[in-house]
PDB file of N, CA and C in Angstrom:
ATOM      1  N   MET A   1     -12.452  -6.588  -0.002  1.00  0.00           N
ATOM      2  CA  MET A   1     -11.182  -6.807  -0.892  1.00  0.00           C
ATOM      3  C   MET A   1     -11.273  -6.073  -2.035  1.00  0.00           C
ATOM      4  N   TYR A   2     -10.187  -5.492  -2.407  1.00  0.00           N
ATOM      5  CA  TYR A   2      -9.986  -4.632  -3.642  1.00  0.00           C
ATOM      6  C   TYR A   2     -10.075  -5.367  -4.868  1.00  0.00           C
ATOM      7  N   ASP A   3     -10.760  -5.203  -5.877  1.00  0.00           N
ATOM      8  CA  ASP A   3     -11.008  -6.122  -6.956  1.00  0.00           C
ATOM      9  C   ASP A   3     -10.402  -5.578  -8.360  1.00  0.00           C
ATOM     10  N   PHE A   4      -9.630  -4.636  -8.314  1.00  0.00           N
ATOM     11  CA  PHE A   4      -9.084  -4.133  -9.582  1.00  0.00           C
ATOM     12  C   PHE A   4      -7.898  -5.081  -9.961  1.00  0.00           C
ATOM     13  N   PRO A   5      -7.961  -5.679 -11.094  1.00  0.00           N
ATOM     14  CA  PRO A   5      -7.066  -6.634 -11.463  1.00  0.00           C
ATOM     15  C   PRO A   5      -5.722  -6.051 -11.973  1.00  0.00           C
ATOM     16  N   LEU A   6      -4.696  -6.478 -11.557  1.00  0.00           N
ATOM     17  CA  LEU A   6      -3.387  -5.913 -12.129  1.00  0.00           C
ATOM     18  C   LEU A   6      -2.569  -7.026 -12.815  1.00  0.00           C
ATOM     19  N   THR A   7      -1.942  -6.758 -13.841  1.00  0.00           N
ATOM     20  CA  THR A   7      -1.167  -7.708 -14.666  1.00  0.00           C
ATOM     21  C   THR A   7       0.110  -7.699 -13.839  1.00  0.00           C
ATOM     22  N   GLY A   8       0.986  -8.752 -14.296  1.00  0.00           N
ATOM     23  CA  GLY A   8       2.277  -8.719 -13.794  1.00  0.00           C
ATOM     24  C   GLY A   8       3.242  -7.594 -14.176  1.00  0.00           C
ATOM     25  N   ALA A   9       3.039  -7.119 -15.442  1.00  0.00           N
ATOM     26  CA  ALA A   9       3.595  -5.963 -15.867  1.00  0.00           C
ATOM     27  C   ALA A   9       3.284  -4.700 -15.229  1.00  0.00           C
ATOM     28  N   GLN A  10       2.213  -4.606 -14.809  1.00  0.00           N
ATOM     29  CA  GLN A  10       1.652  -3.354 -14.140  1.00  0.00           C
ATOM     30  C   GLN A  10       2.259  -3.433 -12.696  1.00  0.00           C
ATOM     31  N   LYS A  11       2.332  -4.543 -12.222  1.00  0.00           N
ATOM     32  CA  LYS A  11       2.788  -4.783 -10.732  1.00  0.00           C
ATOM     33  C   LYS A  11       4.328  -4.371 -10.554  1.00  0.00           C
ATOM     34  N   LYS A  12       5.001  -4.897 -11.704  1.00  0.00           N
ATOM     35  CA  LYS A  12       6.286  -4.627 -11.856  1.00  0.00           C
ATOM     36  C   LYS A  12       6.654  -3.039 -12.042  1.00  0.00           C
ATOM     37  N   TYR A  13       5.896  -2.468 -12.872  1.00  0.00           N
ATOM     38  CA  TYR A  13       5.923  -0.994 -13.103  1.00  0.00           C
ATOM     39  C   TYR A  13       5.627  -0.312 -11.726  1.00  0.00           C
ATOM     40  N   LEU A  14       4.768  -0.678 -10.983  1.00  0.00           N
ATOM     41  CA  LEU A  14       4.329   0.046  -9.754  1.00  0.00           C
ATOM     42  C   LEU A  14       5.557  -0.148  -8.616  1.00  0.00           C
ATOM     43  N   ARG A  15       5.993  -1.317  -8.710  1.00  0.00           N
ATOM     44  CA  ARG A  15       7.262  -1.676  -7.795  1.00  0.00           C
ATOM     45  C   ARG A  15       8.254  -0.702  -8.041  1.00  0.00           C
ATOM     46  N   GLY A  16       8.547  -0.478  -9.348  1.00  0.00           N
ATOM     47  CA  GLY A  16       9.437   0.441  -9.847  1.00  0.00           C
ATOM     48  C   GLY A  16       9.393   1.888  -9.410  1.00  0.00           C
ATOM     49  N   CYS A  17       8.015   2.218  -9.493  1.00  0.00           N
ATOM     50  CA  CYS A  17       7.681   3.753  -9.190  1.00  0.00           C
ATOM     51  C   CYS A  17       7.806   3.651  -7.679  1.00  0.00           C
ATOM     52  N   GLY A  18       7.543   2.778  -6.803  1.00  0.00           N
ATOM     53  CA  GLY A  18       7.601   2.665  -5.393  1.00  0.00           C
ATOM     54  C   GLY A  18       9.115   2.832  -4.954  1.00  0.00           C
ATOM     55  N   GLN A  19      10.190   2.423  -5.748  1.00  0.00           N
ATOM     56  CA  GLN A  19      11.528   2.400  -5.316  1.00  0.00           C
ATOM     57  C   GLN A  19      11.883   3.891  -4.995  1.00  0.00           C
ATOM     58  N   ARG A  20      11.355   4.891  -5.767  1.00  0.00           N
ATOM     59  CA  ARG A  20      11.751   6.192  -5.508  1.00  0.00           C
ATOM     60  C   ARG A  20      10.945   6.948  -4.502  1.00  0.00           C
ATOM     61  N   LEU A  21      10.020   6.324  -3.908  1.00  0.00           N
ATOM     62  CA  LEU A  21       9.206   6.961  -2.960  1.00  0.00           C
ATOM     63  C   LEU A  21       9.852   6.673  -1.503  1.00  0.00           C
ATOM     64  N   ASP A  22       9.613   7.725  -0.612  1.00  0.00           N
ATOM     65  CA  ASP A  22       9.866   7.581   0.846  1.00  0.00           C
ATOM     66  C   ASP A  22       8.791   6.932   1.596  1.00  0.00           C
ATOM     67  N   ALA A  23       8.960   6.141   2.568  1.00  0.00           N
ATOM     68  CA  ALA A  23       7.874   5.715   3.388  1.00  0.00           C
ATOM     69  C   ALA A  23       7.184   6.945   4.031  1.00  0.00           C
ATOM     70  N   THR A  24       5.809   6.925   3.584  1.00  0.00           N
ATOM     71  CA  THR A  24       5.060   8.101   4.141  1.00  0.00           C
ATOM     72  C   THR A  24       4.082   7.774   5.362  1.00  0.00           C
ATOM     73  N   LEU A  25       4.141   6.286   5.610  1.00  0.00           N
ATOM     74  CA  LEU A  25       3.237   5.984   6.696  1.00  0.00           C
ATOM     75  C   LEU A  25       3.913   4.896   7.466  1.00  0.00           C
ATOM     76  N   HIS A  26       3.690   4.938   8.826  1.00  0.00           N
ATOM     77  CA  HIS A  26       4.643   4.145   9.755  1.00  0.00           C
ATOM     78  C   HIS A  26       3.592   3.444  10.693  1.00  0.00           C
ATOM     79  N   LEU A  27       3.707   2.049  10.596  1.00  0.00           N
ATOM     80  CA  LEU A  27       2.934   1.292  11.569  1.00  0.00           C
ATOM     81  C   LEU A  27       3.720   1.098  12.920  1.00  0.00           C
ATOM     82  N   GLY A  28       3.367   1.536  13.921  1.00  0.00           N
ATOM     83  CA  GLY A  28       4.052   1.428  15.191  1.00  0.00           C
ATOM     84  C   GLY A  28       3.402   0.570  16.293  1.00  0.00           C
ATOM     85  N   LYS A  29       3.624   1.013  17.446  1.00  0.00           N
ATOM     86  CA  LYS A  29       3.152   0.142  18.656  1.00  0.00           C
ATOM     87  C   LYS A  29       1.653   0.179  18.722  1.00  0.00           C
ATOM     88  N   ASP A  30       1.032   1.241  18.080  1.00  0.00           N
ATOM     89  CA  ASP A  30      -0.530   1.263  18.296  1.00  0.00           C
ATOM     90  C   ASP A  30      -1.087   0.300  17.266  1.00  0.00           C
ATOM     91  N   GLY A  31      -0.419  -0.200  16.376  1.00  0.00           N
ATOM     92  CA  GLY A  31      -0.850  -1.305  15.578  1.00  0.00           C
ATOM     93  C   GLY A  31      -1.917  -0.672  14.424  1.00  0.00           C
ATOM     94  N   LEU A  32      -2.910  -1.636  13.887  1.00  0.00           N
ATOM     95  CA  LEU A  32      -3.931  -1.249  13.119  1.00  0.00           C
ATOM     96  C   LEU A  32      -5.087  -0.608  13.834  1.00  0.00           C
ATOM     97  N   SER A  33      -4.896   0.684  14.106  1.00  0.00           N
ATOM     98  CA  SER A  33      -5.900   1.474  14.615  1.00  0.00           C
ATOM     99  C   SER A  33      -6.660   2.135  13.738  1.00  0.00           C
ATOM    100  N   PRO A  34      -7.932   2.727  13.989  1.00  0.00           N
ATOM    101  CA  PRO A  34      -8.712   3.493  13.155  1.00  0.00           C
ATOM    102  C   PRO A  34      -7.944   4.629  12.585  1.00  0.00           C
ATOM    103  N   THR A  35      -7.130   5.326  13.320  1.00  0.00           N
ATOM    104  CA  THR A  35      -6.443   6.344  12.986  1.00  0.00           C
ATOM    105  C   THR A  35      -5.398   5.964  11.827  1.00  0.00           C
ATOM    106  N   PHE A  36      -4.774   4.733  11.969  1.00  0.00           N
ATOM    107  CA  PHE A  36      -3.891   4.293  10.941  1.00  0.00           C
ATOM    108  C   PHE A  36      -4.552   4.117   9.672  1.00  0.00           C
ATOM    109  N   PHE A  37      -5.816   3.547   9.711  1.00  0.00           N
ATOM    110  CA  PHE A  37      -6.583   3.141   8.463  1.00  0.00           C
ATOM    111  C   PHE A  37      -7.209   4.527   7.792  1.00  0.00           C
ATOM    112  N   ARG A  38      -7.484   5.538   8.663  1.00  0.00           N
ATOM    113  CA  ARG A  38      -8.017   6.794   8.101  1.00  0.00           C
ATOM    114  C   ARG A  38      -6.912   7.425   7.287  1.00  0.00           C
ATOM    115  N   GLU A  39      -5.677   7.326   7.893  1.00  0.00           N
ATOM    116  CA  GLU A  39      -4.482   8.141   7.076  1.00  0.00           C
ATOM    117  C   GLU A  39      -4.191   7.319   5.921  1.00  0.00           C
ATOM    118  N   LEU A  40      -4.274   5.920   5.999  1.00  0.00           N
ATOM    119  CA  LEU A  40      -4.027   5.143   4.922  1.00  0.00           C
ATOM    120  C   LEU A  40      -4.949   5.588   3.593  1.00  0.00           C
ATOM    121  N   GLN A  41      -6.283   5.544   4.121  1.00  0.00           N
ATOM    122  CA  GLN A  41      -7.321   5.895   2.998  1.00  0.00           C
ATOM    123  C   GLN A  41      -7.067   7.266   2.389  1.00  0.00           C
ATOM    124  N   HIS A  42      -6.596   8.276   3.199  1.00  0.00           N
ATOM    125  CA  HIS A  42      -6.247   9.654   2.712  1.00  0.00           C
ATOM    126  C   HIS A  42      -5.083   9.623   1.756  1.00  0.00           C
ATOM    127  N   GLN A  43      -4.036   8.807   2.142  1.00  0.00           N
ATOM    128  CA  GLN A  43      -2.848   8.761   1.278  1.00  0.00           C
ATOM    129  C   GLN A  43      -3.212   8.078  -0.037  1.00  0.00           C
ATOM    130  N   LEU A  44      -4.000   6.987   0.140  1.00  0.00           N
ATOM    131  CA  LEU A  44      -4.318   6.215  -1.164  1.00  0.00           C
ATOM    132  C   LEU A  44      -5.203   7.011  -2.110  1.00  0.00           C
ATOM    133  N   ASN A  45      -6.014   7.834  -1.593  1.00  0.00           N
ATOM    134  CA  ASN A  45      -7.019   8.600  -2.261  1.00  0.00           C
ATOM    135  C   ASN A  45      -6.233   9.839  -3.116  1.00  0.00           C
ATOM    136  N   SER A  46      -5.149  10.252  -2.380  1.00  0.00           N
ATOM    137  CA  SER A  46      -4.407  11.379  -3.001  1.00  0.00           C
ATOM    138  C   SER A  46      -3.254  10.957  -3.760  1.00  0.00           C
ATOM    139  N   ARG A  47      -2.530   9.747  -3.434  1.00  0.00           N
ATOM    140  CA  ARG A  47      -1.375   9.315  -4.121  1.00  0.00           C
ATOM    141  C   ARG A  47      -1.460   8.117  -4.927  1.00  0.00           C
ATOM    142  N   GLU A  48      -2.338   7.274  -4.592  1.00  0.00           N
ATOM    143  CA  GLU A  48      -2.640   5.883  -5.161  1.00  0.00           C
ATOM    144  C   GLU A  48      -1.573   4.790  -4.719  1.00  0.00           C
ATOM    145  N   LEU A  49      -0.224   5.357  -4.588  1.00  0.00           N
ATOM    146  CA  LEU A  49       0.897   4.409  -4.219  1.00  0.00           C
ATOM    147  C   LEU A  49       1.406   4.830  -3.057  1.00  0.00           C
ATOM    148  N   VAL A  50       1.401   3.979  -1.936  1.00  0.00           N
ATOM    149  CA  VAL A  50       1.980   4.245  -0.646  1.00  0.00           C
ATOM    150  C   VAL A  50       2.937   3.319  -0.113  1.00  0.00           C
ATOM    151  N   LYS A  51       4.026   3.836   0.337  1.00  0.00           N
ATOM    152  CA  LYS A  51       5.073   2.905   0.935  1.00  0.00           C
ATOM    153  C   LYS A  51       4.892   3.106   2.558  1.00  0.00           C
ATOM    154  N   LEU A  52       4.996   1.823   3.248  1.00  0.00           N
ATOM    155  CA  LEU A  52       4.606   1.734   4.615  1.00  0.00           C
ATOM    156  C   LEU A  52       5.858   1.045   5.154  1.00  0.00           C
ATOM    157  N   ARG A  53       6.115   1.673   6.374  1.00  0.00           N
ATOM    158  CA  ARG A  53       7.234   0.883   7.184  1.00  0.00           C
ATOM    159  C   ARG A  53       6.276   0.190   8.403  1.00  0.00           C
ATOM    160  N   LEU A  54       6.849  -1.053   8.578  1.00  0.00           N
ATOM    161  CA  LEU A  54       6.212  -2.087   9.536  1.00  0.00           C
ATOM    162  C   LEU A  54       7.361  -2.066  10.703  1.00  0.00           C
ATOM    163  N   HIS A  55       7.122  -1.273  11.792  1.00  0.00           N
ATOM    164  CA  HIS A  55       7.998  -1.272  12.849  1.00  0.00           C
ATOM    165  C   HIS A  55       7.573  -2.392  13.892  1.00  0.00           C
ATOM    166  N   GLY A  56       8.648  -3.104  14.307  1.00  0.00           N
ATOM    167  CA  GLY A  56       8.313  -3.957  15.532  1.00  0.00           C
ATOM    168  C   GLY A  56       7.528  -5.108  15.002  1.00  0.00           C
ATOM    169  N   THR A  57       7.747  -5.456  13.877  1.00  0.00           N
ATOM    170  CA  THR A  57       7.000  -6.855  13.433  1.00  0.00           C
ATOM    171  C   THR A  57       8.024  -8.082  13.096  1.00  0.00           C
ATOM    172  N   GLU A  58       7.561  -9.070  13.424  1.00  0.00           N
ATOM    173  CA  GLU A  58       8.489 -10.209  13.165  1.00  0.00           C
ATOM    174  C   GLU A  58       8.216 -10.756  11.665  1.00  0.00           C
ATOM    175  N   ARG A  59       9.321 -11.403  11.194  1.00  0.00           N
ATOM    176  CA  ARG A  59       9.247 -11.709   9.680  1.00  0.00           C
ATOM    177  C   ARG A  59       8.048 -12.709   9.291  1.00  0.00           C
ATOM    178  N   GLY A  60       7.656 -13.481  10.231  1.00  0.00           N
ATOM    179  CA  GLY A  60       6.655 -14.484   9.935  1.00  0.00           C
ATOM    180  C   GLY A  60       5.235 -13.670   9.888  1.00  0.00           C
ATOM    181  N   ASP A  61       5.210 -12.623  10.637  1.00  0.00           N
ATOM    182  CA  ASP A  61       3.829 -11.841  10.869  1.00  0.00           C
ATOM    183  C   ASP A  61       3.669 -10.886   9.803  1.00  0.00           C
ATOM    184  N   ARG A  62       4.645 -10.482   8.975  1.00  0.00           N
ATOM    185  CA  ARG A  62       4.451  -9.438   7.979  1.00  0.00           C
ATOM    186  C   ARG A  62       3.501  -9.812   6.804  1.00  0.00           C
ATOM    187  N   ALA A  63       3.592 -11.054   6.363  1.00  0.00           N
ATOM    188  CA  ALA A  63       2.625 -11.383   5.285  1.00  0.00           C
ATOM    189  C   ALA A  63       1.167 -11.408   5.804  1.00  0.00           C
ATOM    190  N   ALA A  64       0.877 -11.812   6.859  1.00  0.00           N
ATOM    191  CA  ALA A  64      -0.428 -11.800   7.518  1.00  0.00           C
ATOM    192  C   ALA A  64      -0.812 -10.337   7.709  1.00  0.00           C
ATOM    193  N   LEU A  65      -0.013  -9.549   8.334  1.00  0.00           N
ATOM    194  CA  LEU A  65      -0.341  -8.053   8.609  1.00  0.00           C
ATOM    195  C   LEU A  65      -0.602  -7.346   7.167  1.00  0.00           C
ATOM    196  N   CYS A  66       0.333  -7.535   6.197  1.00  0.00           N
ATOM    197  CA  CYS A  66      -0.034  -6.942   5.021  1.00  0.00           C
ATOM    198  C   CYS A  66      -1.242  -7.398   4.294  1.00  0.00           C
ATOM    199  N   ALA A  67      -1.611  -8.672   4.393  1.00  0.00           N
ATOM    200  CA  ALA A  67      -2.976  -9.125   3.893  1.00  0.00           C
ATOM    201  C   ALA A  67      -4.086  -8.422   4.504  1.00  0.00           C
ATOM    202  N   GLN A  68      -4.079  -8.244   5.921  1.00  0.00           N
ATOM    203  CA  GLN A  68      -4.961  -7.679   6.612  1.00  0.00           C
ATOM    204  C   GLN A  68      -5.162  -6.305   6.278  1.00  0.00           C
ATOM    205  N   ILE A  69      -4.102  -5.482   6.027  1.00  0.00           N
ATOM    206  CA  ILE A  69      -4.083  -4.055   5.756  1.00  0.00           C
ATOM    207  C   ILE A  69      -4.511  -4.036   4.246  1.00  0.00           C
ATOM    208  N   ALA A  70      -4.302  -4.845   3.510  1.00  0.00           N
ATOM    209  CA  ALA A  70      -4.957  -4.672   2.116  1.00  0.00           C
ATOM    210  C   ALA A  70      -6.376  -4.920   2.110  1.00  0.00           C
ATOM    211  N   ASN A  71      -6.878  -6.006   2.817  1.00  0.00           N
ATOM    212  CA  ASN A  71      -8.270  -6.383   2.991  1.00  0.00           C
ATOM    213  C   ASN A  71      -9.012  -5.037   3.578  1.00  0.00           C
ATOM    214  N   GLU A  72      -8.623  -4.583   4.624  1.00  0.00           N
ATOM    215  CA  GLU A  72      -9.290  -3.639   5.307  1.00  0.00           C
ATOM    216  C   GLU A  72      -9.075  -2.165   4.700  1.00  0.00           C
ATOM    217  N   GLY A  73      -7.859  -2.186   4.010  1.00  0.00           N
ATOM    218  CA  GLY A  73      -7.671  -0.835   3.467  1.00  0.00           C
ATOM    219  C   GLY A  73      -8.300  -0.749   2.040  1.00  0.00           C
ATOM    220  N   ARG A  74      -8.816  -1.866   1.441  1.00  0.00           N
ATOM    221  CA  ARG A  74      -9.416  -1.948   0.122  1.00  0.00           C
ATOM    222  C   ARG A  74      -8.273  -1.579  -0.856  1.00  0.00           C
ATOM    223  N   CYS A  75      -7.158  -1.972  -0.710  1.00  0.00           N
ATOM    224  CA  CYS A  75      -5.987  -1.987  -1.702  1.00  0.00           C
ATOM    225  C   CYS A  75      -5.219  -3.203  -2.038  1.00  0.00           C
ATOM    226  N   VAL A  76      -4.116  -3.213  -2.736  1.00  0.00           N
ATOM    227  CA  VAL A  76      -3.436  -4.293  -3.087  1.00  0.00           C
ATOM    228  C   VAL A  76      -1.989  -4.069  -2.572  1.00  0.00           C
ATOM    229  N   CYS A  77      -1.409  -5.293  -1.911  1.00  0.00           N
ATOM    230  CA  CYS A  77      -0.101  -5.093  -1.436  1.00  0.00           C
ATOM    231  C   CYS A  77       0.769  -5.627  -2.790  1.00  0.00           C
ATOM    232  N   LEU A  78       1.751  -4.879  -3.014  1.00  0.00           N
ATOM    233  CA  LEU A  78       2.547  -5.205  -4.326  1.00  0.00           C
ATOM    234  C   LEU A  78       3.703  -5.956  -3.877  1.00  0.00           C
ATOM    235  N   GLY A  79       4.037  -5.950  -2.549  1.00  0.00           N
ATOM    236  CA  GLY A  79       5.162  -6.675  -2.071  1.00  0.00           C
ATOM    237  C   GLY A  79       5.883  -6.007  -0.790  1.00  0.00           C
ATOM    238  N   THR A  80       6.695  -6.796  -0.089  1.00  0.00           N
ATOM    239  CA  THR A  80       7.435  -6.308   0.919  1.00  0.00           C
ATOM    240  C   THR A  80       8.977  -6.686   0.764  1.00  0.00           C
ATOM    241  N   VAL A  81       9.668  -5.695   1.313  1.00  0.00           N
ATOM    242  CA  VAL A  81      11.211  -5.959   1.445  1.00  0.00           C
ATOM    243  C   VAL A  81      11.557  -5.386   2.808  1.00  0.00           C
ATOM    244  N   GLY A  82      12.107  -6.399   3.499  1.00  0.00           N
ATOM    245  CA  GLY A  82      12.409  -6.061   5.059  1.00  0.00           C
ATOM    246  C   GLY A  82      11.250  -5.642   5.637  1.00  0.00           C
ATOM    247  N   HIS A  83      11.291  -4.360   6.328  1.00  0.00           N
ATOM    248  CA  HIS A  83      10.193  -3.780   7.109  1.00  0.00           C
ATOM    249  C   HIS A  83       9.540  -2.953   6.261  1.00  0.00           C
ATOM    250  N   THR A  84       9.578  -2.904   4.948  1.00  0.00           N
ATOM    251  CA  THR A  84       8.899  -1.901   4.051  1.00  0.00           C
ATOM    252  C   THR A  84       7.770  -2.608   3.171  1.00  0.00           C
ATOM    253  N   ALA A  85       6.599  -2.163   3.052  1.00  0.00           N
ATOM    254  CA  ALA A  85       5.523  -2.787   2.118  1.00  0.00           C
ATOM    255  C   ALA A  85       5.020  -1.605   1.215  1.00  0.00           C
ATOM    256  N   LEU A  86       4.690  -2.061   0.199  1.00  0.00           N
ATOM    257  CA  LEU A  86       4.102  -1.053  -0.765  1.00  0.00           C
ATOM    258  C   LEU A  86       2.529  -1.382  -1.179  1.00  0.00           C
ATOM    259  N   PHE A  87       1.740  -0.398  -1.103  1.00  0.00           N
ATOM    260  CA  PHE A  87       0.355  -0.587  -1.449  1.00  0.00           C
ATOM    261  C   PHE A  87      -0.162   0.180  -2.626  1.00  0.00           C
ATOM    262  N   PHE A  88      -1.280  -0.262  -3.336  1.00  0.00           N
ATOM    263  CA  PHE A  88      -1.817   0.530  -4.408  1.00  0.00           C
ATOM    264  C   PHE A  88      -3.299   0.353  -4.501  1.00  0.00           C
ATOM    265  N   ARG A  89      -3.885   1.408  -4.599  1.00  0.00           N
ATOM    266  CA  ARG A  89      -5.376   1.540  -5.025  1.00  0.00           C
ATOM    267  C   ARG A  89      -5.536   2.627  -6.277  1.00  0.00           C
ATOM    268  N   ARG A  90      -6.169   2.157  -7.127  1.00  0.00           N
ATOM    269  CA  ARG A  90      -6.336   3.109  -8.239  1.00  0.00           C
ATOM    270  C   ARG A  90      -7.600   3.989  -7.930  1.00  0.00           C
ATOM    271  N   GLN A  91      -7.191   5.254  -8.280  1.00  0.00           N
ATOM    272  CA  GLN A  91      -8.234   6.411  -8.111  1.00  0.00           C
ATOM    273  C   GLN A  91      -9.354   6.103  -9.066  1.00  0.00           C
ATOM    274  N   PRO A  92     -10.700   6.056  -8.500  1.00  0.00           N
ATOM    275  CA  PRO A  92     -11.840   5.865  -9.362  1.00  0.00           C
ATOM    276  C   PRO A  92     -12.160   6.895 -10.309  1.00  0.00           C
ATOM    277  N   ASP A  93     -11.911   8.119  -9.982  1.00  0.00           N
ATOM    278  CA  ASP A  93     -12.056   9.334 -10.828  1.00  0.00           C
ATOM    279  C   ASP A  93     -10.767   9.458 -11.822  1.00  0.00           C
ATOM    280  N   PRO A  94     -11.090   9.280 -13.139  1.00  0.00           N
ATOM    281  CA  PRO A  94      -9.908   9.328 -14.086  1.00  0.00           C
ATOM    282  C   PRO A  94      -9.328  10.669 -14.111  1.00  0.00           C
ATOM    283  N   GLU A  95      -9.842  11.621 -13.827  1.00  0.00           N
ATOM    284  CA  GLU A  95      -9.189  13.034 -13.796  1.00  0.00           C
ATOM    285  C   GLU A  95      -8.367  13.260 -12.598  1.00  0.00           C
ATOM    286  N   ARG A  96      -8.386  12.507 -11.580  1.00  0.00           N
ATOM    287  CA  ARG A  96      -7.729  12.712 -10.380  1.00  0.00           C
ATOM    288  C   ARG A  96      -6.622  11.592 -10.299  1.00  0.00           C
ATOM    289  N   ARG A  97      -6.287  10.851 -11.271  1.00  0.00           N
ATOM    290  CA  ARG A  97      -5.288   9.694 -11.134  1.00  0.00           C
ATOM    291  C   ARG A  97      -4.027  10.301 -11.280  1.00  0.00           C
ATOM    292  N   VAL A  98      -3.061   9.853 -10.401  1.00  0.00           N
ATOM    293  CA  VAL A  98      -1.771  10.413 -10.309  1.00  0.00           C
ATOM    294  C   VAL A  98      -0.917   9.425 -11.260  1.00  0.00           C
ATOM    295  N   ILE A  99      -1.173   8.178 -11.222  1.00  0.00           N
ATOM    296  CA  ILE A  99      -0.341   7.172 -12.039  1.00  0.00           C
ATOM    297  C   ILE A  99      -1.138   6.606 -13.159  1.00  0.00           C
ATOM    298  N   GLU A 100      -0.447   6.638 -14.315  1.00  0.00           N
ATOM    299  CA  GLU A 100      -0.878   5.914 -15.484  1.00  0.00           C
ATOM    300  C   GLU A 100      -0.402   4.521 -15.663  1.00  0.00           C
ATOM    301  N   LEU A 101      -1.190   3.499 -15.523  1.00  0.00           N
ATOM    302  CA  LEU A 101      -0.505   2.133 -15.596  1.00  0.00           C
ATOM    303  C   LEU A 101      -0.346   1.893 -17.245  1.00  0.00           C
ATOM    304  N   PRO A 102       0.697   1.127 -17.399  1.00  0.00           N
ATOM    305  CA  PRO A 102       1.060   0.668 -18.803  1.00  0.00           C
ATOM    306  C   PRO A 102       0.098  -0.377 -19.365  1.00  0.00           C
TER     307      PRO A 102
END
């Protein structure tokens, strides 16, 4: 599990940043495959903030699916709206950080 604590203000700031992003990762019929997690790790390392589209999921399954992605992807789910979820993981190297948190 990702253990970097985020305050409410930081989560709000990140959700605001996420509004301007396009979904760069799509979860489709293959589900949570090793390829999906490899791409998620790559995008989190380079961007820190990733917007994900959840295709073919039921409303009740989305919360559990996002929790599983956050747990296995070592990131934090900032929230879901419809079929879209937003994930964040802070870059450990301060020189490579893309997002400066308030």
